[in-house]
Each structure stands twice: as structure tokens, then as C-alpha cells.
Amino acid sequence: NIKTAGDTFLDMTNWGKGIVFVNGHNLGRYWKVGPQQTLY
């Protein structure tokens, strides 16, 4: 829950490999090898 909406970055640093949905939106792929470790 949040009081005020704003942009953020999900920190997937300690995860393995996969995809993330937020409120029905597919944010895309993450993978522990990097260099990208967050999802916008």
C-alpha cells in the first residue's frame, strides 16, 4: 500500500531469473547476471 504514487525501481538483486507483473503490467525480464538489477 502507498499513499502517494510515484516512479520506483524494484530491486531484484537477490533474485534469480524471471519476470514481474505490477497491477497487471508486465515490467519485463530480470536476471541475476546483470548488469541490470532493477526493474522500472
ModelCIF file with pLDDT and N, C-alpha, C, O atoms, coordinates in Angstrom:
data_MODEL
#
_entry.id   MODEL 
#
_entity.id                         1 
_entity.type                       polymer 
_entity.pdbx_number_of_molecules   1 
#
_entity_poly.entity_id                      1 
_entity_poly.type                           'polypeptide(L)' 
_entity_poly.nstd_linkage                   no 
_entity_poly.nstd_monomer                   no 
_entity_poly.pdbx_seq_one_letter_code       NIKTAGDTFLDMTNWGKGIVFVNGHNLGRYWKVGPQQTLY 
_entity_poly.pdbx_seq_one_letter_code_can   NIKTAGDTFLDMTNWGKGIVFVNGHNLGRYWKVGPQQTLY 
_entity_poly.pdbx_strand_id                 A 
#
loop_
_entity_poly_seq.entity_id 
_entity_poly_seq.num 
_entity_poly_seq.mon_id 
_entity_poly_seq.hetero 
1 1  ASN n 
1 2  ILE n 
1 3  LYS n 
1 4  THR n 
1 5  ALA n 
1 6  GLY n 
1 7  ASP n 
1 8  THR n 
1 9  PHE n 
1 10 LEU n 
1 11 ASP n 
1 12 MET n 
1 13 THR n 
1 14 ASN n 
1 15 TRP n 
1 16 GLY n 
1 17 LYS n 
1 18 GLY n 
1 19 ILE n 
1 20 VAL n 
1 21 PHE n 
1 22 VAL n 
1 23 ASN n 
1 24 GLY n 
1 25 HIS n 
1 26 ASN n 
1 27 LEU n 
1 28 GLY n 
1 29 ARG n 
1 30 TYR n 
1 31 TRP n 
1 32 LYS n 
1 33 VAL n 
1 34 GLY n 
1 35 PRO n 
1 36 GLN n 
1 37 GLN n 
1 38 THR n 
1 39 LEU n 
1 40 TYR n 
#
_struct_asym.id          A 
_struct_asym.entity_id   1 
#
loop_
_ma_qa_metric.id 
_ma_qa_metric.mode 
_ma_qa_metric.name 
_ma_qa_metric.software_group_id 
_ma_qa_metric.type 
1 global pLDDT . pLDDT 
2 local  pLDDT . pLDDT 
#
_ma_qa_metric_global.metric_id      1 
_ma_qa_metric_global.metric_value   97.80 
_ma_qa_metric_global.model_id       1 
_ma_qa_metric_global.ordinal_id     1 
#
loop_
_ma_qa_metric_local.label_asym_id 
_ma_qa_metric_local.label_comp_id 
_ma_qa_metric_local.label_seq_id 
_ma_qa_metric_local.metric_id 
_ma_qa_metric_local.metric_value 
_ma_qa_metric_local.model_id 
_ma_qa_metric_local.ordinal_id 
A ASN 1  2 97.00 1 1  
A ILE 2  2 97.00 1 2  
A LYS 3  2 96.00 1 3  
A THR 4  2 96.00 1 4  
A ALA 5  2 97.00 1 5  
A GLY 6  2 98.00 1 6  
A ASP 7  2 98.00 1 7  
A THR 8  2 98.00 1 8  
A PHE 9  2 98.00 1 9  
A LEU 10 2 98.00 1 10 
A ASP 11 2 98.00 1 11 
A MET 12 2 98.00 1 12 
A THR 13 2 97.00 1 13 
A ASN 14 2 96.00 1 14 
A TRP 15 2 98.00 1 15 
A GLY 16 2 98.00 1 16 
A LYS 17 2 98.00 1 17 
A GLY 18 2 98.00 1 18 
A ILE 19 2 98.00 1 19 
A VAL 20 2 98.00 1 20 
A PHE 21 2 98.00 1 21 
A VAL 22 2 98.00 1 22 
A ASN 23 2 98.00 1 23 
A GLY 24 2 98.00 1 24 
A HIS 25 2 98.00 1 25 
A ASN 26 2 98.00 1 26 
A LEU 27 2 98.00 1 27 
A GLY 28 2 98.00 1 28 
A ARG 29 2 98.00 1 29 
A TYR 30 2 98.00 1 30 
A TRP 31 2 98.00 1 31 
A LYS 32 2 98.00 1 32 
A VAL 33 2 98.00 1 33 
A GLY 34 2 98.00 1 34 
A PRO 35 2 98.00 1 35 
A GLN 36 2 98.00 1 36 
A GLN 37 2 98.00 1 37 
A THR 38 2 98.00 1 38 
A LEU 39 2 99.00 1 39 
A TYR 40 2 99.00 1 40 
#
loop_
_atom_site.group_PDB 
_atom_site.id 
_atom_site.type_symbol 
_atom_site.label_atom_id 
_atom_site.label_alt_id 
_atom_site.label_comp_id 
_atom_site.label_asym_id 
_atom_site.label_entity_id 
_atom_site.label_seq_id 
_atom_site.pdbx_PDB_ins_code 
_atom_site.Cartn_x 
_atom_site.Cartn_y 
_atom_site.Cartn_z 
_atom_site.occupancy 
_atom_site.B_iso_or_equiv 
_atom_site.pdbx_formal_charge 
_atom_site.auth_seq_id 
_atom_site.auth_comp_id 
_atom_site.auth_asym_id 
_atom_site.auth_atom_id 
_atom_site.pdbx_PDB_model_num 
ATOM 1   N N  . ASN A 1 1  ? 0.837  -1.199  0.000   1.00 97.00 ? 1  ASN A N  1 
ATOM 2   C CA . ASN A 1 1  ? 0.000  0.000   0.000   1.00 97.00 ? 1  ASN A CA 1 
ATOM 3   C C  . ASN A 1 1  ? 0.873  1.250   0.000   1.00 97.00 ? 1  ASN A C  1 
ATOM 4   O O  . ASN A 1 1  ? 1.901  1.304   0.675   1.00 97.00 ? 1  ASN A O  1 
ATOM 5   N N  . ILE A 1 2  ? 0.450  2.251   -0.764  1.00 97.00 ? 2  ILE A N  1 
ATOM 6   C CA . ILE A 1 2  ? 1.142  3.526   -0.777  1.00 97.00 ? 2  ILE A CA 1 
ATOM 7   C C  . ILE A 1 2  ? 0.110  4.654   -0.671  1.00 97.00 ? 2  ILE A C  1 
ATOM 8   O O  . ILE A 1 2  ? -1.037 4.504   -1.093  1.00 97.00 ? 2  ILE A O  1 
ATOM 9   N N  . LYS A 1 3  ? 0.529  5.755   -0.115  1.00 96.00 ? 3  LYS A N  1 
ATOM 10  C CA . LYS A 1 3  ? -0.353 6.914   -0.001  1.00 96.00 ? 3  LYS A CA 1 
ATOM 11  C C  . LYS A 1 3  ? -0.283 7.783   -1.252  1.00 96.00 ? 3  LYS A C  1 
ATOM 12  O O  . LYS A 1 3  ? -1.289 8.334   -1.697  1.00 96.00 ? 3  LYS A O  1 
ATOM 13  N N  . THR A 1 4  ? 0.913  7.896   -1.807  1.00 96.00 ? 4  THR A N  1 
ATOM 14  C CA . THR A 1 4  ? 1.107  8.735   -2.992  1.00 96.00 ? 4  THR A CA 1 
ATOM 15  C C  . THR A 1 4  ? 1.892  7.944   -4.034  1.00 96.00 ? 4  THR A C  1 
ATOM 16  O O  . THR A 1 4  ? 2.953  7.394   -3.739  1.00 96.00 ? 4  THR A O  1 
ATOM 17  N N  . ALA A 1 5  ? 1.368  7.894   -5.236  1.00 97.00 ? 5  ALA A N  1 
ATOM 18  C CA . ALA A 1 5  ? 2.029  7.143   -6.305  1.00 97.00 ? 5  ALA A CA 1 
ATOM 19  C C  . ALA A 1 5  ? 3.228  7.916   -6.845  1.00 97.00 ? 5  ALA A C  1 
ATOM 20  O O  . ALA A 1 5  ? 3.234  9.146   -6.858  1.00 97.00 ? 5  ALA A O  1 
ATOM 21  N N  . GLY A 1 6  ? 4.222  7.189   -7.280  1.00 98.00 ? 6  GLY A N  1 
ATOM 22  C CA . GLY A 1 6  ? 5.401  7.765   -7.915  1.00 98.00 ? 6  GLY A CA 1 
ATOM 23  C C  . GLY A 1 6  ? 6.208  6.662   -8.567  1.00 98.00 ? 6  GLY A C  1 
ATOM 24  O O  . GLY A 1 6  ? 5.996  5.481   -8.293  1.00 98.00 ? 6  GLY A O  1 
ATOM 25  N N  . ASP A 1 7  ? 7.129  7.046   -9.424  1.00 98.00 ? 7  ASP A N  1 
ATOM 26  C CA . ASP A 1 7  ? 8.003  6.044   -10.046 1.00 98.00 ? 7  ASP A CA 1 
ATOM 27  C C  . ASP A 1 7  ? 8.861  5.368   -8.977  1.00 98.00 ? 7  ASP A C  1 
ATOM 28  O O  . ASP A 1 7  ? 9.207  5.971   -7.961  1.00 98.00 ? 7  ASP A O  1 
ATOM 29  N N  . THR A 1 8  ? 9.196  4.101   -9.232  1.00 98.00 ? 8  THR A N  1 
ATOM 30  C CA . THR A 1 8  ? 10.125 3.397   -8.357  1.00 98.00 ? 8  THR A CA 1 
ATOM 31  C C  . THR A 1 8  ? 10.835 2.321   -9.163  1.00 98.00 ? 8  THR A C  1 
ATOM 32  O O  . THR A 1 8  ? 10.513 2.090   -10.328 1.00 98.00 ? 8  THR A O  1 
ATOM 33  N N  . PHE A 1 9  ? 11.804 1.667   -8.533  1.00 98.00 ? 9  PHE A N  1 
ATOM 34  C CA . PHE A 1 9  ? 12.583 0.616   -9.193  1.00 98.00 ? 9  PHE A CA 1 
ATOM 35  C C  . PHE A 1 9  ? 12.600 -0.609  -8.288  1.00 98.00 ? 9  PHE A C  1 
ATOM 36  O O  . PHE A 1 9  ? 13.117 -0.555  -7.172  1.00 98.00 ? 9  PHE A O  1 
ATOM 37  N N  . LEU A 1 10 ? 12.038 -1.702  -8.766  1.00 98.00 ? 10 LEU A N  1 
ATOM 38  C CA . LEU A 1 10 ? 12.054 -2.928  -7.976  1.00 98.00 ? 10 LEU A CA 1 
ATOM 39  C C  . LEU A 1 10 ? 13.470 -3.495  -7.956  1.00 98.00 ? 10 LEU A C  1 
ATOM 40  O O  . LEU A 1 10 ? 14.083 -3.699  -9.004  1.00 98.00 ? 10 LEU A O  1 
ATOM 41  N N  . ASP A 1 11 ? 13.972 -3.743  -6.769  1.00 98.00 ? 11 ASP A N  1 
ATOM 42  C CA . ASP A 1 11 ? 15.331 -4.258  -6.597  1.00 98.00 ? 11 ASP A CA 1 
ATOM 43  C C  . ASP A 1 11 ? 15.300 -5.781  -6.670  1.00 98.00 ? 11 ASP A C  1 
ATOM 44  O O  . ASP A 1 11 ? 14.804 -6.443  -5.758  1.00 98.00 ? 11 ASP A O  1 
ATOM 45  N N  . MET A 1 12 ? 15.837 -6.338  -7.765  1.00 98.00 ? 12 MET A N  1 
ATOM 46  C CA . MET A 1 12 ? 15.831 -7.790  -7.983  1.00 98.00 ? 12 MET A CA 1 
ATOM 47  C C  . MET A 1 12 ? 17.224 -8.387  -7.785  1.00 98.00 ? 12 MET A C  1 
ATOM 48  O O  . MET A 1 12 ? 17.509 -9.479  -8.275  1.00 98.00 ? 12 MET A O  1 
ATOM 49  N N  . THR A 1 13 ? 18.082 -7.679  -7.075  1.00 97.00 ? 13 THR A N  1 
ATOM 50  C CA . THR A 1 13 ? 19.475 -8.076  -6.918  1.00 97.00 ? 13 THR A CA 1 
ATOM 51  C C  . THR A 1 13 ? 19.628 -9.492  -6.396  1.00 97.00 ? 13 THR A C  1 
ATOM 52  O O  . THR A 1 13 ? 20.502 -10.224 -6.862  1.00 97.00 ? 13 THR A O  1 
ATOM 53  N N  . ASN A 1 14 ? 18.806 -9.894  -5.447  1.00 96.00 ? 14 ASN A N  1 
ATOM 54  C CA . ASN A 1 14 ? 18.966 -11.201 -4.798  1.00 96.00 ? 14 ASN A CA 1 
ATOM 55  C C  . ASN A 1 14 ? 18.070 -12.276 -5.400  1.00 96.00 ? 14 ASN A C  1 
ATOM 56  O O  . ASN A 1 14 ? 17.934 -13.363 -4.838  1.00 96.00 ? 14 ASN A O  1 
ATOM 57  N N  . TRP A 1 15 ? 17.464 -11.977 -6.531  1.00 98.00 ? 15 TRP A N  1 
ATOM 58  C CA . TRP A 1 15 ? 16.607 -12.943 -7.194  1.00 98.00 ? 15 TRP A CA 1 
ATOM 59  C C  . TRP A 1 15 ? 17.394 -13.667 -8.290  1.00 98.00 ? 15 TRP A C  1 
ATOM 60  O O  . TRP A 1 15 ? 18.566 -13.364 -8.516  1.00 98.00 ? 15 TRP A O  1 
ATOM 61  N N  . GLY A 1 16 ? 16.756 -14.612 -8.962  1.00 98.00 ? 16 GLY A N  1 
ATOM 62  C CA . GLY A 1 16 ? 17.452 -15.415 -9.958  1.00 98.00 ? 16 GLY A CA 1 
ATOM 63  C C  . GLY A 1 16 ? 17.191 -14.973 -11.377 1.00 98.00 ? 16 GLY A C  1 
ATOM 64  O O  . GLY A 1 16 ? 18.004 -14.271 -11.978 1.00 98.00 ? 16 GLY A O  1 
ATOM 65  N N  . LYS A 1 17 ? 16.051 -15.386 -11.917 1.00 98.00 ? 17 LYS A N  1 
ATOM 66  C CA . LYS A 1 17 ? 15.712 -15.050 -13.291 1.00 98.00 ? 17 LYS A CA 1 
ATOM 67  C C  . LYS A 1 17 ? 14.208 -15.165 -13.453 1.00 98.00 ? 17 LYS A C  1 
ATOM 68  O O  . LYS A 1 17 ? 13.602 -16.118 -12.962 1.00 98.00 ? 17 LYS A O  1 
ATOM 69  N N  . GLY A 1 18 ? 13.600 -14.209 -14.132 1.00 98.00 ? 18 GLY A N  1 
ATOM 70  C CA . GLY A 1 18 ? 12.157 -14.289 -14.327 1.00 98.00 ? 18 GLY A CA 1 
ATOM 71  C C  . GLY A 1 18 ? 11.568 -12.998 -14.821 1.00 98.00 ? 18 GLY A C  1 
ATOM 72  O O  . GLY A 1 18 ? 12.259 -12.165 -15.407 1.00 98.00 ? 18 GLY A O  1 
ATOM 73  N N  . ILE A 1 19 ? 10.272 -12.834 -14.580 1.00 98.00 ? 19 ILE A N  1 
ATOM 74  C CA . ILE A 1 19 ? 9.535  -11.646 -14.999 1.00 98.00 ? 19 ILE A CA 1 
ATOM 75  C C  . ILE A 1 19 ? 8.665  -11.172 -13.850 1.00 98.00 ? 19 ILE A C  1 
ATOM 76  O O  . ILE A 1 19 ? 8.377  -11.929 -12.922 1.00 98.00 ? 19 ILE A O  1 
ATOM 77  N N  . VAL A 1 20 ? 8.245  -9.905  -13.917 1.00 98.00 ? 20 VAL A N  1 
ATOM 78  C CA . VAL A 1 20 ? 7.454  -9.310  -12.839 1.00 98.00 ? 20 VAL A CA 1 
ATOM 79  C C  . VAL A 1 20 ? 6.255  -8.581  -13.422 1.00 98.00 ? 20 VAL A C  1 
ATOM 80  O O  . VAL A 1 20 ? 6.373  -7.831  -14.391 1.00 98.00 ? 20 VAL A O  1 
ATOM 81  N N  . PHE A 1 21 ? 5.097  -8.815  -12.812 1.00 98.00 ? 21 PHE A N  1 
ATOM 82  C CA . PHE A 1 21 ? 3.887  -8.058  -13.124 1.00 98.00 ? 21 PHE A CA 1 
ATOM 83  C C  . PHE A 1 21 ? 3.560  -7.148  -11.936 1.00 98.00 ? 21 PHE A C  1 
ATOM 84  O O  . PHE A 1 21 ? 3.629  -7.577  -10.784 1.00 98.00 ? 21 PHE A O  1 
ATOM 85  N N  . VAL A 1 22 ? 3.205  -5.897  -12.219 1.00 98.00 ? 22 VAL A N  1 
ATOM 86  C CA . VAL A 1 22 ? 2.696  -4.983  -11.192 1.00 98.00 ? 22 VAL A CA 1 
ATOM 87  C C  . VAL A 1 22 ? 1.353  -4.454  -11.670 1.00 98.00 ? 22 VAL A C  1 
ATOM 88  O O  . VAL A 1 22 ? 1.263  -3.797  -12.707 1.00 98.00 ? 22 VAL A O  1 
ATOM 89  N N  . ASN A 1 23 ? 0.328  -4.746  -10.913 1.00 98.00 ? 23 ASN A N  1 
ATOM 90  C CA . ASN A 1 23 ? -1.042 -4.320  -11.267 1.00 98.00 ? 23 ASN A CA 1 
ATOM 91  C C  . ASN A 1 23 ? -1.392 -4.697  -12.707 1.00 98.00 ? 23 ASN A C  1 
ATOM 92  O O  . ASN A 1 23 ? -2.027 -3.929  -13.430 1.00 98.00 ? 23 ASN A O  1 
ATOM 93  N N  . GLY A 1 24 ? -0.968 -5.882  -13.101 1.00 98.00 ? 24 GLY A N  1 
ATOM 94  C CA . GLY A 1 24 ? -1.303 -6.396  -14.422 1.00 98.00 ? 24 GLY A CA 1 
ATOM 95  C C  . GLY A 1 24 ? -0.337 -6.027  -15.532 1.00 98.00 ? 24 GLY A C  1 
ATOM 96  O O  . GLY A 1 24 ? -0.461 -6.544  -16.643 1.00 98.00 ? 24 GLY A O  1 
ATOM 97  N N  . HIS A 1 25 ? 0.623  -5.147  -15.265 1.00 98.00 ? 25 HIS A N  1 
ATOM 98  C CA . HIS A 1 25 ? 1.601  -4.724  -16.272 1.00 98.00 ? 25 HIS A CA 1 
ATOM 99  C C  . HIS A 1 25 ? 2.853  -5.582  -16.175 1.00 98.00 ? 25 HIS A C  1 
ATOM 100 O O  . HIS A 1 25 ? 3.434  -5.718  -15.098 1.00 98.00 ? 25 HIS A O  1 
ATOM 101 N N  . ASN A 1 26 ? 3.270  -6.159  -17.289 1.00 98.00 ? 26 ASN A N  1 
ATOM 102 C CA . ASN A 1 26 ? 4.496  -6.945  -17.334 1.00 98.00 ? 26 ASN A CA 1 
ATOM 103 C C  . ASN A 1 26 ? 5.673  -5.985  -17.462 1.00 98.00 ? 26 ASN A C  1 
ATOM 104 O O  . ASN A 1 26 ? 5.860  -5.360  -18.505 1.00 98.00 ? 26 ASN A O  1 
ATOM 105 N N  . LEU A 1 27 ? 6.465  -5.870  -16.397 1.00 98.00 ? 27 LEU A N  1 
ATOM 106 C CA . LEU A 1 27 ? 7.592  -4.935  -16.386 1.00 98.00 ? 27 LEU A CA 1 
ATOM 107 C C  . LEU A 1 27 ? 8.759  -5.423  -17.220 1.00 98.00 ? 27 LEU A C  1 
ATOM 108 O O  . LEU A 1 27 ? 9.614  -4.631  -17.616 1.00 98.00 ? 27 LEU A O  1 
ATOM 109 N N  . GLY A 1 28 ? 8.805  -6.739  -17.495 1.00 98.00 ? 28 GLY A N  1 
ATOM 110 C CA . GLY A 1 28 ? 9.893  -7.286  -18.274 1.00 98.00 ? 28 GLY A CA 1 
ATOM 111 C C  . GLY A 1 28 ? 10.721 -8.282  -17.492 1.00 98.00 ? 28 GLY A C  1 
ATOM 112 O O  . GLY A 1 28 ? 10.339 -8.730  -16.411 1.00 98.00 ? 28 GLY A O  1 
ATOM 113 N N  . ARG A 1 29 ? 11.863 -8.618  -18.063 1.00 98.00 ? 29 ARG A N  1 
ATOM 114 C CA . ARG A 1 29 ? 12.726 -9.690  -17.573 1.00 98.00 ? 29 ARG A CA 1 
ATOM 115 C C  . ARG A 1 29 ? 13.782 -9.151  -16.608 1.00 98.00 ? 29 ARG A C  1 
ATOM 116 O O  . ARG A 1 29 ? 14.306 -8.054  -16.804 1.00 98.00 ? 29 ARG A O  1 
ATOM 117 N N  . TYR A 1 30 ? 14.091 -9.928  -15.564 1.00 98.00 ? 30 TYR A N  1 
ATOM 118 C CA . TYR A 1 30 ? 15.269 -9.685  -14.729 1.00 98.00 ? 30 TYR A CA 1 
ATOM 119 C C  . TYR A 1 30 ? 16.138 -10.935 -14.775 1.00 98.00 ? 30 TYR A C  1 
ATOM 120 O O  . TYR A 1 30 ? 15.649 -12.025 -15.071 1.00 98.00 ? 30 TYR A O  1 
ATOM 121 N N  . TRP A 1 31 ? 17.431 -10.776 -14.480 1.00 98.00 ? 31 TRP A N  1 
ATOM 122 C CA . TRP A 1 31 ? 18.360 -11.904 -14.482 1.00 98.00 ? 31 TRP A CA 1 
ATOM 123 C C  . TRP A 1 31 ? 19.558 -11.531 -13.614 1.00 98.00 ? 31 TRP A C  1 
ATOM 124 O O  . TRP A 1 31 ? 20.148 -10.464 -13.784 1.00 98.00 ? 31 TRP A O  1 
ATOM 125 N N  . LYS A 1 32 ? 19.907 -12.401 -12.699 1.00 98.00 ? 32 LYS A N  1 
ATOM 126 C CA . LYS A 1 32 ? 20.922 -12.103 -11.693 1.00 98.00 ? 32 LYS A CA 1 
ATOM 127 C C  . LYS A 1 32 ? 22.294 -11.779 -12.271 1.00 98.00 ? 32 LYS A C  1 
ATOM 128 O O  . LYS A 1 32 ? 23.103 -11.144 -11.594 1.00 98.00 ? 32 LYS A O  1 
ATOM 129 N N  . VAL A 1 33 ? 22.581 -12.199 -13.510 1.00 98.00 ? 33 VAL A N  1 
ATOM 130 C CA . VAL A 1 33 ? 23.904 -11.931 -14.086 1.00 98.00 ? 33 VAL A CA 1 
ATOM 131 C C  . VAL A 1 33 ? 24.143 -10.443 -14.311 1.00 98.00 ? 33 VAL A C  1 
ATOM 132 O O  . VAL A 1 33 ? 25.293 -10.015 -14.419 1.00 98.00 ? 33 VAL A O  1 
ATOM 133 N N  . GLY A 1 34 ? 23.070 -9.642  -14.383 1.00 98.00 ? 34 GLY A N  1 
ATOM 134 C CA . GLY A 1 34 ? 23.205 -8.214  -14.618 1.00 98.00 ? 34 GLY A CA 1 
ATOM 135 C C  . GLY A 1 34 ? 23.586 -7.898  -16.043 1.00 98.00 ? 34 GLY A C  1 
ATOM 136 O O  . GLY A 1 34 ? 23.515 -8.778  -16.901 1.00 98.00 ? 34 GLY A O  1 
ATOM 137 N N  . PRO A 1 35 ? 23.991 -6.667  -16.330 1.00 98.00 ? 35 PRO A N  1 
ATOM 138 C CA . PRO A 1 35 ? 24.284 -5.604  -15.368 1.00 98.00 ? 35 PRO A CA 1 
ATOM 139 C C  . PRO A 1 35 ? 23.042 -4.936  -14.765 1.00 98.00 ? 35 PRO A C  1 
ATOM 140 O O  . PRO A 1 35 ? 23.151 -4.237  -13.758 1.00 98.00 ? 35 PRO A O  1 
ATOM 141 N N  . GLN A 1 36 ? 21.869 -5.140  -15.366 1.00 98.00 ? 36 GLN A N  1 
ATOM 142 C CA . GLN A 1 36 ? 20.646 -4.555  -14.831 1.00 98.00 ? 36 GLN A CA 1 
ATOM 143 C C  . GLN A 1 36 ? 20.159 -5.389  -13.653 1.00 98.00 ? 36 GLN A C  1 
ATOM 144 O O  . GLN A 1 36 ? 19.989 -6.603  -13.765 1.00 98.00 ? 36 GLN A O  1 
ATOM 145 N N  . GLN A 1 37 ? 19.936 -4.719  -12.519 1.00 98.00 ? 37 GLN A N  1 
ATOM 146 C CA . GLN A 1 37 ? 19.462 -5.426  -11.328 1.00 98.00 ? 37 GLN A CA 1 
ATOM 147 C C  . GLN A 1 37 ? 18.124 -4.887  -10.818 1.00 98.00 ? 37 GLN A C  1 
ATOM 148 O O  . GLN A 1 37 ? 17.591 -5.390  -9.829  1.00 98.00 ? 37 GLN A O  1 
ATOM 149 N N  . THR A 1 38 ? 17.585 -3.878  -11.480 1.00 98.00 ? 38 THR A N  1 
ATOM 150 C CA . THR A 1 38 ? 16.291 -3.307  -11.088 1.00 98.00 ? 38 THR A CA 1 
ATOM 151 C C  . THR A 1 38 ? 15.337 -3.327  -12.263 1.00 98.00 ? 38 THR A C  1 
ATOM 152 O O  . THR A 1 38 ? 15.748 -3.446  -13.417 1.00 98.00 ? 38 THR A O  1 
ATOM 153 N N  . LEU A 1 39 ? 14.050 -3.207  -11.951 1.00 99.00 ? 39 LEU A N  1 
ATOM 154 C CA . LEU A 1 39 ? 13.014 -3.065  -12.971 1.00 99.00 ? 39 LEU A CA 1 
ATOM 155 C C  . LEU A 1 39 ? 12.265 -1.764  -12.721 1.00 99.00 ? 39 LEU A C  1 
ATOM 156 O O  . LEU A 1 39 ? 11.808 -1.498  -11.609 1.00 99.00 ? 39 LEU A O  1 
ATOM 157 N N  . TYR A 1 40 ? 12.147 -0.965  -13.762 1.00 99.00 ? 40 TYR A N  1 
ATOM 158 C CA . TYR A 1 40 ? 11.463 0.324   -13.664 1.00 99.00 ? 40 TYR A CA 1 
ATOM 159 C C  . TYR A 1 40 ? 9.958  0.121   -13.537 1.00 99.00 ? 40 TYR A C  1 
ATOM 160 O O  . TYR A 1 40 ? 9.210  1.093   -13.443 1.00 99.00 ? 40 TYR A O  1 
#
